[in-house]
């Protein structure tokens, strides 16, 4: 079985463009986004890394750390950063893991355990499954897994939307409906009885007994822990 939502994110030590890290220690009490790439100097990934740098303040505001990964060395990542800045207008302002030995990619089930050889001898297509997004909570549990094909750039605005939902529903007994955006109405969780719902939320709209709608609970600040 591959990694699933609710599993503990595998811990690891790795070299990054900002020095050596141990993943769980690096996360600390924050949330984290780990997003992976099949190879340096690839066109779609170049746009993604630049856009992530542009919107990183949005993640910072939510107490979310960002870290990239590519199946090349940290030294190659630093050379790639120049291209990213020149073509996208923003250089990576977050660490990028050097995974030239495929260790992290294999640990996270993105490459087969049998993968070996020199990364420079592999094409992006050889590593095409290294195109995932993992959102990890302060409890080090995986909260979200997204996998994309090489030809489709990722939507990091959607990742922010999901994090807003994850942080809200971790502290309030609600769920978020389709296409929900910050500030919109939410649904009372199915685990909450009607009596509890009245006590917690007061009056609520209920077009069906199993659909109970309330305004988004107010929070005085963005979530700091799960």
Protein backbone atom coordinates (compact mmCIF):
# COMPACT_ATOMS: atom_id res chain seq x y z
CA UNK A 1 0.00 0.00 0.00
CA UNK A 2 1.21 3.47 -0.82
CA UNK A 3 0.94 6.44 1.48
CA UNK A 4 -2.59 7.48 2.37
CA UNK A 5 -4.26 10.43 4.05
CA UNK A 6 -3.90 9.98 7.80
CA UNK A 7 -0.55 8.18 7.59
CA UNK A 8 2.46 9.65 9.34
CA UNK A 9 4.60 11.42 6.77
CA UNK A 10 7.86 9.45 6.51
CA UNK A 11 10.72 11.26 8.22
CA UNK A 12 14.07 11.64 6.46
CA UNK A 13 17.33 13.55 6.41
CA UNK A 14 18.31 15.29 3.18
CA UNK A 15 20.48 18.00 1.71
CA UNK A 16 18.57 21.02 0.46
CA UNK A 17 19.41 24.33 -1.12
CA UNK A 18 19.28 25.77 2.41
CA UNK A 19 21.35 23.09 4.13
CA UNK A 20 20.71 19.68 5.65
CA UNK A 21 17.36 19.04 7.30
CA UNK A 22 15.50 16.32 9.18
CA UNK A 23 11.98 16.63 7.82
CA UNK A 24 9.95 16.30 11.02
CA UNK A 25 12.24 18.66 12.91
CA UNK A 26 12.07 21.13 10.05
CA UNK A 27 8.26 21.11 10.16
CA UNK A 28 8.22 21.68 13.92
CA UNK A 29 4.82 23.03 15.04
CA UNK A 30 3.92 24.28 11.56
CA UNK A 31 2.03 22.82 8.65
CA UNK A 32 4.05 21.87 5.57
CA UNK A 33 3.71 21.48 1.81
CA UNK A 34 6.13 19.12 0.07
CA UNK A 35 5.87 19.31 -3.73
CA UNK A 36 8.02 17.18 -6.01
CA UNK A 37 9.47 17.44 -9.52
CA UNK A 38 10.88 14.81 -11.90
CA UNK A 39 13.95 16.77 -13.00
CA UNK A 40 15.60 20.19 -12.98
CA UNK A 41 15.43 22.50 -16.01
CA UNK A 42 12.00 21.27 -17.11
CA UNK A 43 9.46 23.81 -18.44
CA UNK A 44 6.29 23.10 -16.44
CA UNK A 45 8.18 22.71 -13.17
CA UNK A 46 10.02 25.98 -13.80
CA UNK A 47 6.70 27.82 -13.90
CA UNK A 48 5.51 26.04 -10.75
CA UNK A 49 8.58 26.85 -8.69
CA UNK A 50 8.40 30.49 -9.72
CA UNK A 51 4.72 30.82 -8.89
CA UNK A 52 5.18 29.11 -5.53
CA UNK A 53 7.86 31.68 -4.71
CA UNK A 54 5.49 34.49 -5.68
CA UNK A 55 2.67 33.30 -3.40
CA UNK A 56 4.80 31.99 -0.53
CA UNK A 57 3.62 34.87 1.74
CA UNK A 58 0.14 33.30 1.51
CA UNK A 59 1.54 30.11 3.02
CA UNK A 60 3.53 32.04 5.61
CA UNK A 61 0.33 33.74 6.81
CA UNK A 62 -1.18 30.31 7.40
CA UNK A 63 1.84 28.99 9.32
CA UNK A 64 2.67 26.65 6.43
CA UNK A 65 6.27 25.86 5.48
CA UNK A 66 7.01 25.09 1.81
CA UNK A 67 9.66 22.70 0.54
CA UNK A 68 10.33 21.44 -2.97
CA UNK A 69 12.01 18.28 -4.21
CA UNK A 70 13.58 17.38 -7.53
CA UNK A 71 15.41 14.26 -8.61
CA UNK A 72 18.74 16.04 -9.01
CA UNK A 73 21.37 17.39 -6.65
CA UNK A 74 20.96 20.47 -4.47
CA UNK A 75 23.83 22.05 -6.43
CA UNK A 76 21.87 21.65 -9.68
CA UNK A 77 18.82 23.19 -7.99
CA UNK A 78 20.84 26.31 -7.23
CA UNK A 79 21.80 26.66 -10.91
CA UNK A 80 18.16 26.12 -11.91
CA UNK A 81 17.09 28.89 -9.52
CA UNK A 82 18.74 31.47 -11.80
CA UNK A 83 16.62 30.35 -14.74
CA UNK A 84 13.49 30.36 -12.58
CA UNK A 85 14.11 33.94 -11.47
CA UNK A 86 14.94 35.19 -14.96
CA UNK A 87 11.94 33.55 -16.67
CA UNK A 88 9.30 33.70 -13.91
CA UNK A 89 10.31 36.83 -12.03
CA UNK A 90 10.74 35.06 -8.69
CA UNK A 91 13.55 32.85 -7.43
CA UNK A 92 12.72 30.02 -5.03
CA UNK A 93 12.51 31.42 -1.48
CA UNK A 94 12.08 28.04 0.15
CA UNK A 95 14.38 24.99 0.36
CA UNK A 96 14.49 22.42 -2.45
CA UNK A 97 15.52 18.90 -1.54
CA UNK A 98 18.31 17.28 -3.53
CA UNK A 99 17.15 13.73 -4.21
CA UNK A 100 19.91 12.52 -6.51
CA UNK A 101 19.90 9.11 -4.82
CA UNK A 102 16.09 8.84 -5.17
CA UNK A 103 15.82 8.15 -1.43
CA UNK A 104 12.95 10.52 -0.65
CA UNK A 105 11.10 9.76 -3.88
CA UNK A 106 11.21 6.06 -3.05
CA UNK A 107 10.33 6.64 0.60
CA UNK A 108 7.19 8.50 -0.47
CA UNK A 109 6.23 5.89 -3.08
CA UNK A 110 6.84 8.17 -6.05
CA UNK A 111 9.49 5.89 -7.59
CA UNK A 112 9.86 2.10 -7.35
CA UNK A 113 12.18 0.79 -4.66
CA UNK A 114 14.31 -0.77 -7.40
CA UNK A 115 15.17 2.63 -8.96
CA UNK A 116 18.92 3.17 -9.24
CA UNK A 117 21.58 4.77 -11.40
CA UNK A 118 22.70 8.32 -12.03
CA UNK A 119 20.00 11.02 -12.05
CA UNK A 120 21.62 12.84 -14.99
CA UNK A 121 21.19 9.70 -17.11
CA UNK A 122 17.44 9.63 -16.45
CA UNK A 123 14.94 11.63 -18.47
CA UNK A 124 11.97 13.50 -17.00
CA UNK A 125 9.76 10.72 -18.36
CA UNK A 126 11.74 8.20 -16.29
CA UNK A 127 10.74 10.19 -13.20
CA UNK A 128 7.28 11.28 -14.33
CA UNK A 129 5.60 9.92 -11.18
CA UNK A 130 7.55 12.41 -9.04
CA UNK A 131 4.78 15.01 -9.45
CA UNK A 132 3.02 14.96 -6.07
CA UNK A 133 1.87 17.48 -3.50
CA UNK A 134 1.77 16.40 0.13
CA UNK A 135 0.22 18.59 2.83
CA UNK A 136 1.42 17.59 6.30
CA UNK A 137 -0.02 18.81 9.59
CA UNK A 138 1.83 19.77 12.78
CA UNK A 139 1.06 16.25 14.01
CA UNK A 140 3.17 15.00 11.07
CA UNK A 141 0.14 13.27 9.55
CA UNK A 142 -0.55 13.51 5.81
CA UNK A 143 -3.65 15.64 5.24
CA UNK A 144 -3.70 15.81 1.43
CA UNK A 145 -2.08 14.01 -1.50
CA UNK A 146 -2.31 15.33 -5.06
CA UNK A 147 -0.68 13.69 -8.08
CA UNK A 148 -0.31 15.47 -11.43
CA UNK A 149 0.89 14.40 -14.88
CA UNK A 150 3.96 16.08 -16.32
CA UNK A 151 1.98 18.03 -18.90
CA UNK A 152 -0.36 19.75 -16.41
CA UNK A 153 0.89 22.55 -14.20
CA UNK A 154 -0.31 22.41 -10.63
CA UNK A 155 -2.84 24.83 -9.14
CA UNK A 156 -1.24 26.14 -5.94
CA UNK A 157 -4.17 28.48 -5.33
CA UNK A 158 -6.21 25.30 -4.87
CA UNK A 159 -3.64 24.01 -2.37
CA UNK A 160 -4.14 27.21 -0.34
CA UNK A 161 -7.92 26.75 -0.52
CA UNK A 162 -7.61 23.20 0.78
CA UNK A 163 -5.29 24.28 3.59
CA UNK A 164 -7.88 26.87 4.65
CA UNK A 165 -10.42 24.06 4.83
CA UNK A 166 -8.06 21.71 6.65
CA UNK A 167 -7.16 24.28 9.27
CA UNK A 168 -10.78 25.31 9.79
CA UNK A 169 -12.12 21.77 10.09
CA UNK A 170 -9.28 20.77 12.44
CA UNK A 171 -10.51 23.27 15.03
CA UNK A 172 -14.28 23.36 14.37
CA UNK A 173 -16.75 20.51 13.93
CA UNK A 174 -17.62 21.43 10.36
CA UNK A 175 -16.93 20.38 6.79
CA UNK A 176 -16.60 22.59 3.71
CA UNK A 177 -18.86 22.12 0.66
CA UNK A 178 -17.98 22.05 -3.02
CA UNK A 179 -15.87 24.96 -4.24
CA UNK A 180 -15.86 26.50 -0.75
CA UNK A 181 -13.82 29.65 -0.27
CA UNK A 182 -12.68 31.34 2.95
CA UNK A 183 -15.62 33.14 4.60
CA UNK A 184 -18.41 31.17 2.93
CA UNK A 185 -20.99 28.99 4.68
CA UNK A 186 -19.97 25.56 5.91
CA UNK A 187 -21.68 22.28 6.77
CA UNK A 188 -22.01 20.90 10.29
CA UNK A 189 -20.05 17.64 10.52
CA UNK A 190 -22.07 14.43 10.39
CA UNK A 191 -20.56 13.34 13.70
CA UNK A 192 -22.42 16.17 15.48
CA UNK A 193 -25.94 15.30 16.69
CA UNK A 194 -28.79 17.75 16.16
CA UNK A 195 -28.84 18.54 19.88
CA UNK A 196 -25.10 19.21 19.86
CA UNK A 197 -25.44 21.29 16.72
CA UNK A 198 -28.02 23.56 18.38
CA UNK A 199 -25.80 23.92 21.43
CA UNK A 200 -22.65 24.66 19.42
CA UNK A 201 -24.01 26.64 16.48
CA UNK A 202 -27.49 27.80 17.46
CA UNK A 203 -29.94 28.00 14.58
CA UNK A 204 -28.91 26.47 11.28
CA UNK A 205 -30.38 25.95 7.82
CA UNK A 206 -31.28 22.35 7.02
CA UNK A 207 -32.65 21.70 3.50
CA UNK A 208 -32.37 17.98 4.32
CA UNK A 209 -31.86 16.32 7.72
CA UNK A 210 -28.32 15.36 6.72
CA UNK A 211 -27.41 18.80 5.33
CA UNK A 212 -27.01 21.42 8.07
CA UNK A 213 -25.60 24.75 6.95
CA UNK A 214 -24.11 27.48 9.15
CA UNK A 215 -21.91 30.53 8.62
CA UNK A 216 -18.20 29.82 8.82
CA UNK A 217 -17.13 29.90 12.48
CA UNK A 218 -15.09 32.96 13.30
CA UNK A 219 -11.48 32.59 14.30
CA UNK A 220 -9.49 35.34 15.94
CA UNK A 221 -6.31 34.33 14.14
CA UNK A 222 -5.04 31.85 11.62
CA UNK A 223 -4.52 28.38 12.97
CA UNK A 224 -1.21 27.73 14.69
CA UNK A 225 -1.53 24.00 15.37
CA UNK A 226 -3.76 21.03 14.64
